[in-house]
Amino acid sequence: MFGLTVGRRASAGPAVDDDTLVAAQRLTVTRGQQPVLCNVDVAVKAGQVVTLVGPNGSGKSTLVQVLTGLIRDHQGQVRRRDGLRVGYVPQHFRIDRNLPITARRFMKLAPRGRHGNWDSAVADAGVAHLLERPMQGLSGGELRRVLLARALLSRPHLLALDEPAAGLDQRGQGELYRLIRHIRERYGCGVLVVSHDLNLVMAATDQVLCLSEGHILCRGAPESVRAHPEYLALFGSHLGPETAVFPHAHDHEPGEHCSHG
């Protein structure tokens, strides 16, 4: 039922069940001699929203790209459900201003076989009024909705959103996270989100993983999160004075490092 991606240093595979879409165990990624992720364990289940938080450079985007199969050079193991369909919305996306293309044409460029869900994707992402607009003229929020609609064309089992609320005002962020909850309920998909705004995450996620320097420092359910002193000491300066916080269930001891020997 599950396909296995084995890194250069494999260990026993992560535990999986019928609801699990993707799971990783002791996942380590290095660039040059520098570890980007170190001994990370994570799983995403169908119908679950998992949010990755942490300061810039903590490995969040790399973790998303490994779980979705965009990065395959890693240590440890990643298991994905056989036939897993993934929709991915990257953090950064730019259209060449010298290449005029409408939102409709951009969505039509999705691989063949993904257009059977066209009407639902357009309606669910709320982009019908944007289809004849040039991509270059869309606002940040409008562009994210078009990217989301394109990701929904395949009816994904796993939807990965890297900083989807970046650059949006407070109202736009709230609308986006309400949309994420709607999509999770409508499609029954797992959703993997990278975010810096924990106040919004509180209302839109089932599990939060906090990363720093490639480690998962803590994880927990939003309802168990309010004001953990250790978290504030580690991340308060990065995430602002009004940031919500999450309880700790440590995955590594203080001072633990990746082993490359």
C-alpha atoms as a PDB file:
ATOM      1  CA  MET A   1       0.000   0.000   0.000  1.00  0.00           C
ATOM      2  CA  PHE A   2       2.920   2.331   0.699  1.00  0.00           C
ATOM      3  CA  GLY A   3       5.804   3.251  -1.548  1.00  0.00           C
ATOM      4  CA  LEU A   4       9.175   3.694   0.128  1.00  0.00           C
ATOM      5  CA  THR A   5      11.837   6.305  -0.563  1.00  0.00           C
ATOM      6  CA  VAL A   6      15.077   5.241   1.081  1.00  0.00           C
ATOM      7  CA  GLY A   7      17.769   7.798   1.797  1.00  0.00           C
ATOM      8  CA  ARG A   8      21.479   7.194   1.807  1.00  0.00           C
ATOM      9  CA  ARG A   9      21.309   6.042   5.429  1.00  0.00           C
ATOM     10  CA  ALA A  10      18.138   4.032   6.000  1.00  0.00           C
ATOM     11  CA  SER A  11      16.730   2.964   9.341  1.00  0.00           C
ATOM     12  CA  ALA A  12      13.597   1.059  10.259  1.00  0.00           C
ATOM     13  CA  GLY A  13      10.599   2.501   8.420  1.00  0.00           C
ATOM     14  CA  PRO A  14       8.145   4.840  10.108  1.00  0.00           C
ATOM     15  CA  ALA A  15       5.000   3.298  11.497  1.00  0.00           C
ATOM     16  CA  VAL A  16       2.056   3.737   9.132  1.00  0.00           C
ATOM     17  CA  ASP A  17      -1.627   2.869   9.097  1.00  0.00           C
ATOM     18  CA  ASP A  18      -4.493   3.040   6.623  1.00  0.00           C
ATOM     19  CA  ASP A  19      -5.070   6.751   7.277  1.00  0.00           C
ATOM     20  CA  THR A  20      -1.438   7.804   6.813  1.00  0.00           C
ATOM     21  CA  LEU A  21      -0.612   9.610   3.579  1.00  0.00           C
ATOM     22  CA  VAL A  22       3.092  10.185   4.153  1.00  0.00           C
ATOM     23  CA  ALA A  23       5.435   9.403   7.025  1.00  0.00           C
ATOM     24  CA  ALA A  24       9.124  10.019   7.630  1.00  0.00           C
ATOM     25  CA  GLN A  25      11.496   8.670  10.236  1.00  0.00           C
ATOM     26  CA  ARG A  26      14.917  10.007  11.249  1.00  0.00           C
ATOM     27  CA  LEU A  27      14.853  12.218   8.201  1.00  0.00           C
ATOM     28  CA  THR A  28      18.114  14.119   7.679  1.00  0.00           C
ATOM     29  CA  VAL A  29      19.006  16.465   4.832  1.00  0.00           C
ATOM     30  CA  THR A  30      22.393  18.097   4.376  1.00  0.00           C
ATOM     31  CA  ARG A  31      23.634  20.735   1.966  1.00  0.00           C
ATOM     32  CA  GLY A  32      27.379  20.589   1.692  1.00  0.00           C
ATOM     33  CA  GLN A  33      28.465  19.838   5.251  1.00  0.00           C
ATOM     34  CA  GLN A  34      25.583  21.762   6.812  1.00  0.00           C
ATOM     35  CA  PRO A  35      22.558  19.810   8.163  1.00  0.00           C
ATOM     36  CA  VAL A  36      19.240  21.368   7.128  1.00  0.00           C
ATOM     37  CA  LEU A  37      17.056  18.714   8.784  1.00  0.00           C
ATOM     38  CA  CYS A  38      18.228  16.396  11.534  1.00  0.00           C
ATOM     39  CA  ASN A  39      16.494  13.179  12.667  1.00  0.00           C
ATOM     40  CA  VAL A  40      12.961  14.408  11.944  1.00  0.00           C
ATOM     41  CA  ASP A  41       9.960  12.128  12.470  1.00  0.00           C
ATOM     42  CA  VAL A  42       6.630  13.265  11.041  1.00  0.00           C
ATOM     43  CA  ALA A  43       3.428  11.837   9.580  1.00  0.00           C
ATOM     44  CA  VAL A  44       0.393  13.362   7.863  1.00  0.00           C
ATOM     45  CA  LYS A  45      -2.930  11.537   7.838  1.00  0.00           C
ATOM     46  CA  ALA A  46      -5.969  11.920   5.630  1.00  0.00           C
ATOM     47  CA  GLY A  47      -8.200  14.764   6.805  1.00  0.00           C
ATOM     48  CA  GLN A  48      -5.488  16.160   9.083  1.00  0.00           C
ATOM     49  CA  VAL A  49      -4.001  19.662   8.961  1.00  0.00           C
ATOM     50  CA  VAL A  50      -0.359  19.672  10.092  1.00  0.00           C
ATOM     51  CA  THR A  51       1.389  23.031  10.392  1.00  0.00           C
ATOM     52  CA  LEU A  52       5.140  23.621  10.496  1.00  0.00           C
ATOM     53  CA  VAL A  53       6.291  26.716  12.364  1.00  0.00           C
ATOM     54  CA  GLY A  54       9.649  28.143  13.305  1.00  0.00           C
ATOM     55  CA  PRO A  55      12.124  30.887  12.430  1.00  0.00           C
ATOM     56  CA  ASN A  56      13.539  31.414   8.947  1.00  0.00           C
ATOM     57  CA  GLY A  57      16.149  28.800   8.077  1.00  0.00           C
ATOM     58  CA  SER A  58      14.712  26.173  10.429  1.00  0.00           C
ATOM     59  CA  GLY A  59      14.093  23.650   7.604  1.00  0.00           C
ATOM     60  CA  LYS A  60      10.334  23.990   7.154  1.00  0.00           C
ATOM     61  CA  SER A  61      10.304  24.369   3.358  1.00  0.00           C
ATOM     62  CA  THR A  62      12.883  21.606   2.962  1.00  0.00           C
ATOM     63  CA  LEU A  63      10.732  19.255   5.032  1.00  0.00           C
ATOM     64  CA  VAL A  64       7.689  20.009   2.872  1.00  0.00           C
ATOM     65  CA  GLN A  65       9.677  19.375  -0.306  1.00  0.00           C
ATOM     66  CA  VAL A  66      10.976  16.029   0.987  1.00  0.00           C
ATOM     67  CA  LEU A  67       7.524  14.846   2.067  1.00  0.00           C
ATOM     68  CA  THR A  68       6.017  15.795  -1.304  1.00  0.00           C
ATOM     69  CA  GLY A  69       8.843  14.106  -3.237  1.00  0.00           C
ATOM     70  CA  LEU A  70      10.446  17.257  -4.644  1.00  0.00           C
ATOM     71  CA  ILE A  71      13.675  16.534  -2.746  1.00  0.00           C
ATOM     72  CA  ARG A  72      14.879  12.929  -2.837  1.00  0.00           C
ATOM     73  CA  ASP A  73      18.452  13.265  -1.615  1.00  0.00           C
ATOM     74  CA  HIS A  74      18.074  12.535   2.089  1.00  0.00           C
ATOM     75  CA  GLN A  75      18.916  10.130   4.864  1.00  0.00           C
ATOM     76  CA  GLY A  76      16.307   8.132   6.731  1.00  0.00           C
ATOM     77  CA  GLN A  77      13.062   6.835   5.261  1.00  0.00           C
ATOM     78  CA  VAL A  78       9.948   8.356   3.751  1.00  0.00           C
ATOM     79  CA  ARG A  79       6.852   6.276   3.078  1.00  0.00           C
ATOM     80  CA  ARG A  80       4.042   7.511   0.850  1.00  0.00           C
ATOM     81  CA  ARG A  81       0.713   5.888   0.174  1.00  0.00           C
ATOM     82  CA  ASP A  82       0.744   4.158  -3.207  1.00  0.00           C
ATOM     83  CA  GLY A  83      -0.812   6.377  -5.855  1.00  0.00           C
ATOM     84  CA  LEU A  84      -0.597   9.423  -3.613  1.00  0.00           C
ATOM     85  CA  ARG A  85      -1.730  12.571  -5.434  1.00  0.00           C
ATOM     86  CA  VAL A  86      -0.025  15.718  -4.200  1.00  0.00           C
ATOM     87  CA  GLY A  87      -1.005  19.349  -4.736  1.00  0.00           C
ATOM     88  CA  TYR A  88       1.771  21.828  -3.963  1.00  0.00           C
ATOM     89  CA  VAL A  89       1.691  25.612  -3.661  1.00  0.00           C
ATOM     90  CA  PRO A  90       5.244  26.996  -3.327  1.00  0.00           C
ATOM     91  CA  GLN A  91       6.261  29.921  -1.172  1.00  0.00           C
ATOM     92  CA  HIS A  92       7.680  31.906  -4.096  1.00  0.00           C
ATOM     93  CA  PHE A  93       6.208  31.968  -7.599  1.00  0.00           C
ATOM     94  CA  ARG A  94       6.916  34.505 -10.313  1.00  0.00           C
ATOM     95  CA  ILE A  95       5.577  34.870 -13.830  1.00  0.00           C
ATOM     96  CA  ASP A  96       7.845  36.418 -16.461  1.00  0.00           C
ATOM     97  CA  ARG A  97       6.322  39.817 -17.184  1.00  0.00           C
ATOM     98  CA  ASN A  98       7.307  39.386 -20.842  1.00  0.00           C
ATOM     99  CA  LEU A  99       5.175  36.239 -21.101  1.00  0.00           C
ATOM    100  CA  PRO A 100       1.521  37.304 -21.077  1.00  0.00           C
ATOM    101  CA  ILE A 101      -0.706  34.501 -19.855  1.00  0.00           C
ATOM    102  CA  THR A 102      -4.169  34.479 -18.334  1.00  0.00           C
ATOM    103  CA  ALA A 103      -5.044  32.606 -15.172  1.00  0.00           C
ATOM    104  CA  ARG A 104      -7.190  30.223 -17.247  1.00  0.00           C
ATOM    105  CA  ARG A 105      -4.307  29.428 -19.578  1.00  0.00           C
ATOM    106  CA  PHE A 106      -1.956  28.972 -16.626  1.00  0.00           C
ATOM    107  CA  MET A 107      -4.307  26.435 -15.049  1.00  0.00           C
ATOM    108  CA  LYS A 108      -4.731  24.664 -18.385  1.00  0.00           C
ATOM    109  CA  LEU A 109      -0.968  24.095 -18.435  1.00  0.00           C
ATOM    110  CA  ALA A 110      -1.378  21.556 -15.633  1.00  0.00           C
ATOM    111  CA  PRO A 111      -0.527  17.986 -16.730  1.00  0.00           C
ATOM    112  CA  ARG A 112      -3.116  16.183 -18.813  1.00  0.00           C
ATOM    113  CA  GLY A 113      -5.617  14.187 -16.851  1.00  0.00           C
ATOM    114  CA  ARG A 114      -5.904  16.802 -14.103  1.00  0.00           C
ATOM    115  CA  HIS A 115      -8.741  18.857 -15.565  1.00  0.00           C
ATOM    116  CA  GLY A 116     -11.619  16.560 -14.616  1.00  0.00           C
ATOM    117  CA  ASN A 117     -12.016  18.510 -11.380  1.00  0.00           C
ATOM    118  CA  TRP A 118     -11.967  21.909 -13.120  1.00  0.00           C
ATOM    119  CA  ASP A 119     -15.355  23.250 -12.017  1.00  0.00           C
ATOM    120  CA  SER A 120     -14.895  22.201  -8.405  1.00  0.00           C
ATOM    121  CA  ALA A 121     -11.332  23.537  -8.202  1.00  0.00           C
ATOM    122  CA  VAL A 122     -12.360  26.904  -9.648  1.00  0.00           C
ATOM    123  CA  ALA A 123     -15.359  27.171  -7.327  1.00  0.00           C
ATOM    124  CA  ASP A 124     -13.584  25.971  -4.182  1.00  0.00           C
ATOM    125  CA  ALA A 125     -10.651  28.364  -4.640  1.00  0.00           C
ATOM    126  CA  GLY A 126     -12.987  31.215  -5.627  1.00  0.00           C
ATOM    127  CA  VAL A 127     -11.148  32.133  -8.841  1.00  0.00           C
ATOM    128  CA  ALA A 128     -13.915  32.167 -11.475  1.00  0.00           C
ATOM    129  CA  HIS A 129     -13.721  35.963 -11.723  1.00  0.00           C
ATOM    130  CA  LEU A 130      -9.936  35.818 -12.192  1.00  0.00           C
ATOM    131  CA  LEU A 131      -9.684  33.353 -15.078  1.00  0.00           C
ATOM    132  CA  GLU A 132      -9.469  35.946 -17.865  1.00  0.00           C
ATOM    133  CA  ARG A 133      -7.100  38.196 -15.931  1.00  0.00           C
ATOM    134  CA  PRO A 134      -3.364  38.206 -16.759  1.00  0.00           C
ATOM    135  CA  MET A 135      -1.290  36.407 -14.145  1.00  0.00           C
ATOM    136  CA  GLN A 136       1.082  39.380 -13.998  1.00  0.00           C
ATOM    137  CA  GLY A 137      -1.765  41.634 -12.846  1.00  0.00           C
ATOM    138  CA  LEU A 138      -2.965  39.534  -9.925  1.00  0.00           C
ATOM    139  CA  SER A 139      -2.440  40.637  -6.351  1.00  0.00           C
ATOM    140  CA  GLY A 140      -0.596  38.386  -3.939  1.00  0.00           C
ATOM    141  CA  GLY A 141      -3.808  36.959  -2.549  1.00  0.00           C
ATOM    142  CA  GLU A 142      -5.331  36.433  -5.991  1.00  0.00           C
ATOM    143  CA  LEU A 143      -2.191  34.682  -7.217  1.00  0.00           C
ATOM    144  CA  ARG A 144      -2.266  32.294  -4.266  1.00  0.00           C
ATOM    145  CA  ARG A 145      -5.875  31.436  -4.992  1.00  0.00           C
ATOM    146  CA  VAL A 146      -5.044  30.613  -8.623  1.00  0.00           C
ATOM    147  CA  LEU A 147      -2.089  28.476  -7.522  1.00  0.00           C
ATOM    148  CA  LEU A 148      -4.376  26.730  -5.053  1.00  0.00           C
ATOM    149  CA  ALA A 149      -7.015  26.110  -7.724  1.00  0.00           C
ATOM    150  CA  ARG A 150      -4.366  24.584  -9.981  1.00  0.00           C
ATOM    151  CA  ALA A 151      -3.201  22.355  -7.128  1.00  0.00           C
ATOM    152  CA  LEU A 152      -6.787  21.170  -6.589  1.00  0.00           C
ATOM    153  CA  LEU A 153      -7.261  20.045 -10.198  1.00  0.00           C
ATOM    154  CA  SER A 154      -5.972  16.541  -9.411  1.00  0.00           C
ATOM    155  CA  ARG A 155      -8.157  16.191  -6.293  1.00  0.00           C
ATOM    156  CA  PRO A 156      -5.024  15.739  -4.162  1.00  0.00           C
ATOM    157  CA  HIS A 157      -4.801  13.363  -1.241  1.00  0.00           C
ATOM    158  CA  LEU A 158      -2.115  15.658   0.224  1.00  0.00           C
ATOM    159  CA  LEU A 159      -2.149  19.442  -0.193  1.00  0.00           C
ATOM    160  CA  ALA A 160       1.106  21.214   0.714  1.00  0.00           C
ATOM    161  CA  LEU A 161       1.066  24.990   1.188  1.00  0.00           C
ATOM    162  CA  ASP A 162       4.360  26.790   1.833  1.00  0.00           C
ATOM    163  CA  GLU A 163       3.732  30.137   3.574  1.00  0.00           C
ATOM    164  CA  PRO A 164       0.320  30.590   1.898  1.00  0.00           C
ATOM    165  CA  ALA A 165      -0.533  33.673   3.973  1.00  0.00           C
ATOM    166  CA  ALA A 166       2.716  35.570   3.360  1.00  0.00           C
ATOM    167  CA  GLY A 167       2.071  39.154   2.274  1.00  0.00           C
ATOM    168  CA  LEU A 168      -1.672  39.014   2.950  1.00  0.00           C
ATOM    169  CA  ASP A 169      -3.400  41.441   5.273  1.00  0.00           C
ATOM    170  CA  GLN A 170      -5.202  40.160   8.357  1.00  0.00           C
ATOM    171  CA  ARG A 171      -8.527  39.810   6.565  1.00  0.00           C
ATOM    172  CA  GLY A 172      -6.921  37.957   3.664  1.00  0.00           C
ATOM    173  CA  GLN A 173      -5.122  35.617   6.040  1.00  0.00           C
ATOM    174  CA  GLY A 174      -8.347  34.804   7.849  1.00  0.00           C
ATOM    175  CA  GLU A 175     -10.129  34.093   4.574  1.00  0.00           C
ATOM    176  CA  LEU A 176      -7.278  31.860   3.454  1.00  0.00           C
ATOM    177  CA  TYR A 177      -7.329  29.697   6.556  1.00  0.00           C
ATOM    178  CA  ARG A 178     -11.115  29.398   6.400  1.00  0.00           C
ATOM    179  CA  LEU A 179     -10.627  28.235   2.820  1.00  0.00           C
ATOM    180  CA  ILE A 180      -8.058  25.657   3.946  1.00  0.00           C
ATOM    181  CA  ARG A 181     -10.520  24.223   6.456  1.00  0.00           C
ATOM    182  CA  HIS A 182     -13.228  24.100   3.769  1.00  0.00           C
ATOM    183  CA  ILE A 183     -10.945  22.257   1.353  1.00  0.00           C
ATOM    184  CA  ARG A 184      -9.911  19.753   4.016  1.00  0.00           C
ATOM    185  CA  GLU A 185     -13.548  19.000   4.768  1.00  0.00           C
ATOM    186  CA  ARG A 186     -14.640  18.868   1.117  1.00  0.00           C
ATOM    187  CA  TYR A 187     -11.778  16.778  -0.242  1.00  0.00           C
ATOM    188  CA  GLY A 188     -10.886  14.784   2.861  1.00  0.00           C
ATOM    189  CA  CYS A 189      -7.243  15.474   2.079  1.00  0.00           C
ATOM    190  CA  GLY A 190      -4.335  15.904   4.434  1.00  0.00           C
ATOM    191  CA  VAL A 191      -2.972  19.444   4.491  1.00  0.00           C
ATOM    192  CA  LEU A 192       0.625  20.363   5.262  1.00  0.00           C
ATOM    193  CA  VAL A 193       1.104  24.081   5.929  1.00  0.00           C
ATOM    194  CA  VAL A 194       4.155  26.224   6.577  1.00  0.00           C
ATOM    195  CA  SER A 195       3.278  29.319   8.600  1.00  0.00           C
ATOM    196  CA  HIS A 196       4.781  32.020  10.797  1.00  0.00           C
ATOM    197  CA  ASP A 197       1.483  33.227  12.247  1.00  0.00           C
ATOM    198  CA  LEU A 198       0.514  30.946  15.106  1.00  0.00           C
ATOM    199  CA  ASN A 199      -2.568  32.971  15.989  1.00  0.00           C
ATOM    200  CA  LEU A 200      -4.113  31.935  12.673  1.00  0.00           C
ATOM    201  CA  VAL A 201      -2.745  28.402  12.997  1.00  0.00           C
ATOM    202  CA  MET A 202      -4.556  27.940  16.286  1.00  0.00           C
ATOM    203  CA  ALA A 203      -7.929  27.909  14.545  1.00  0.00           C
ATOM    204  CA  ALA A 204      -6.958  25.978  11.449  1.00  0.00           C
ATOM    205  CA  THR A 205      -4.730  23.067  12.370  1.00  0.00           C
ATOM    206  CA  ASP A 206      -4.831  19.710  14.135  1.00  0.00           C
ATOM    207  CA  GLN A 207      -1.148  19.383  14.933  1.00  0.00           C
ATOM    208  CA  VAL A 208       1.742  21.844  15.059  1.00  0.00           C
ATOM    209  CA  LEU A 209       5.405  20.967  14.668  1.00  0.00           C
ATOM    210  CA  CYS A 210       7.886  23.611  15.815  1.00  0.00           C
ATOM    211  CA  LEU A 211      11.284  23.501  14.103  1.00  0.00           C
ATOM    212  CA  SER A 212      14.554  25.202  14.905  1.00  0.00           C
ATOM    213  CA  GLU A 213      17.910  24.563  13.226  1.00  0.00           C
ATOM    214  CA  GLY A 214      16.554  21.460  11.533  1.00  0.00           C
ATOM    215  CA  HIS A 215      15.190  19.792  14.677  1.00  0.00           C
ATOM    216  CA  ILE A 216      11.583  19.341  15.751  1.00  0.00           C
ATOM    217  CA  LEU A 217      11.693  21.017  19.149  1.00  0.00           C
ATOM    218  CA  CYS A 218       8.051  20.493  20.042  1.00  0.00           C
ATOM    219  CA  ARG A 219       4.718  19.311  18.704  1.00  0.00           C
ATOM    220  CA  GLY A 220       1.189  19.450  19.974  1.00  0.00           C
ATOM    221  CA  ALA A 221      -2.501  20.024  19.362  1.00  0.00           C
ATOM    222  CA  PRO A 222      -3.626  23.677  19.203  1.00  0.00           C
ATOM    223  CA  GLU A 223      -6.118  23.297  22.043  1.00  0.00           C
ATOM    224  CA  SER A 224      -3.243  22.367  24.395  1.00  0.00           C
ATOM    225  CA  VAL A 225      -1.288  25.490  23.472  1.00  0.00           C
ATOM    226  CA  ARG A 226      -1.262  28.815  25.246  1.00  0.00           C
ATOM    227  CA  ALA A 227       1.901  30.087  26.888  1.00  0.00           C
ATOM    228  CA  HIS A 228       4.876  27.790  27.326  1.00  0.00           C
ATOM    229  CA  PRO A 229       7.864  29.648  28.875  1.00  0.00           C
ATOM    230  CA  GLU A 230      10.487  27.551  27.080  1.00  0.00           C
ATOM    231  CA  TYR A 231       8.882  28.195  23.719  1.00  0.00           C
ATOM    232  CA  LEU A 232       8.742  31.930  24.355  1.00  0.00           C
ATOM    233  CA  ALA A 233      12.395  31.923  25.338  1.00  0.00           C
ATOM    234  CA  LEU A 234      13.344  30.177  22.086  1.00  0.00           C
ATOM    235  CA  PHE A 235      11.032  31.837  19.566  1.00  0.00           C
ATOM    236  CA  GLY A 236       9.528  34.968  21.049  1.00  0.00           C
ATOM    237  CA  SER A 237      11.996  37.294  19.354  1.00  0.00           C
ATOM    238  CA  HIS A 238      11.311  35.699  15.972  1.00  0.00           C
ATOM    239  CA  LEU A 239       7.550  35.494  16.007  1.00  0.00           C
ATOM    240  CA  GLY A 240       6.413  38.600  17.845  1.00  0.00           C
ATOM    241  CA  PRO A 241       4.769  39.446  21.170  1.00  0.00           C
ATOM    242  CA  GLU A 242       1.252  38.282  20.252  1.00  0.00           C
ATOM    243  CA  THR A 243       2.254  34.847  19.002  1.00  0.00           C
ATOM    244  CA  ALA A 244       0.449  31.821  20.375  1.00  0.00           C
ATOM    245  CA  VAL A 245       2.661  29.036  21.696  1.00  0.00           C
ATOM    246  CA  PHE A 246       2.726  25.260  21.765  1.00  0.00           C
ATOM    247  CA  PRO A 247       3.479  22.650  24.450  1.00  0.00           C
ATOM    248  CA  HIS A 248       6.690  20.652  24.181  1.00  0.00           C
ATOM    249  CA  ALA A 249       7.117  16.940  23.632  1.00  0.00           C
ATOM    250  CA  HIS A 250      10.825  16.810  22.902  1.00  0.00           C
ATOM    251  CA  ASP A 251      12.121  14.622  20.076  1.00  0.00           C
ATOM    252  CA  HIS A 252      15.767  15.048  21.053  1.00  0.00           C
ATOM    253  CA  GLU A 253      17.814  15.811  24.115  1.00  0.00           C
ATOM    254  CA  PRO A 254      19.487  19.201  24.529  1.00  0.00           C
ATOM    255  CA  GLY A 255      22.747  19.278  22.651  1.00  0.00           C
ATOM    256  CA  GLU A 256      21.890  16.342  20.347  1.00  0.00           C
ATOM    257  CA  HIS A 257      23.376  16.760  16.896  1.00  0.00           C
ATOM    258  CA  CYS A 258      23.137  14.965  13.566  1.00  0.00           C
ATOM    259  CA  SER A 259      25.687  12.205  13.196  1.00  0.00           C
ATOM    260  CA  HIS A 260      27.465  11.974   9.856  1.00  0.00           C
ATOM    261  CA  GLY A 261      30.086   9.466  10.836  1.00  0.00           C
END
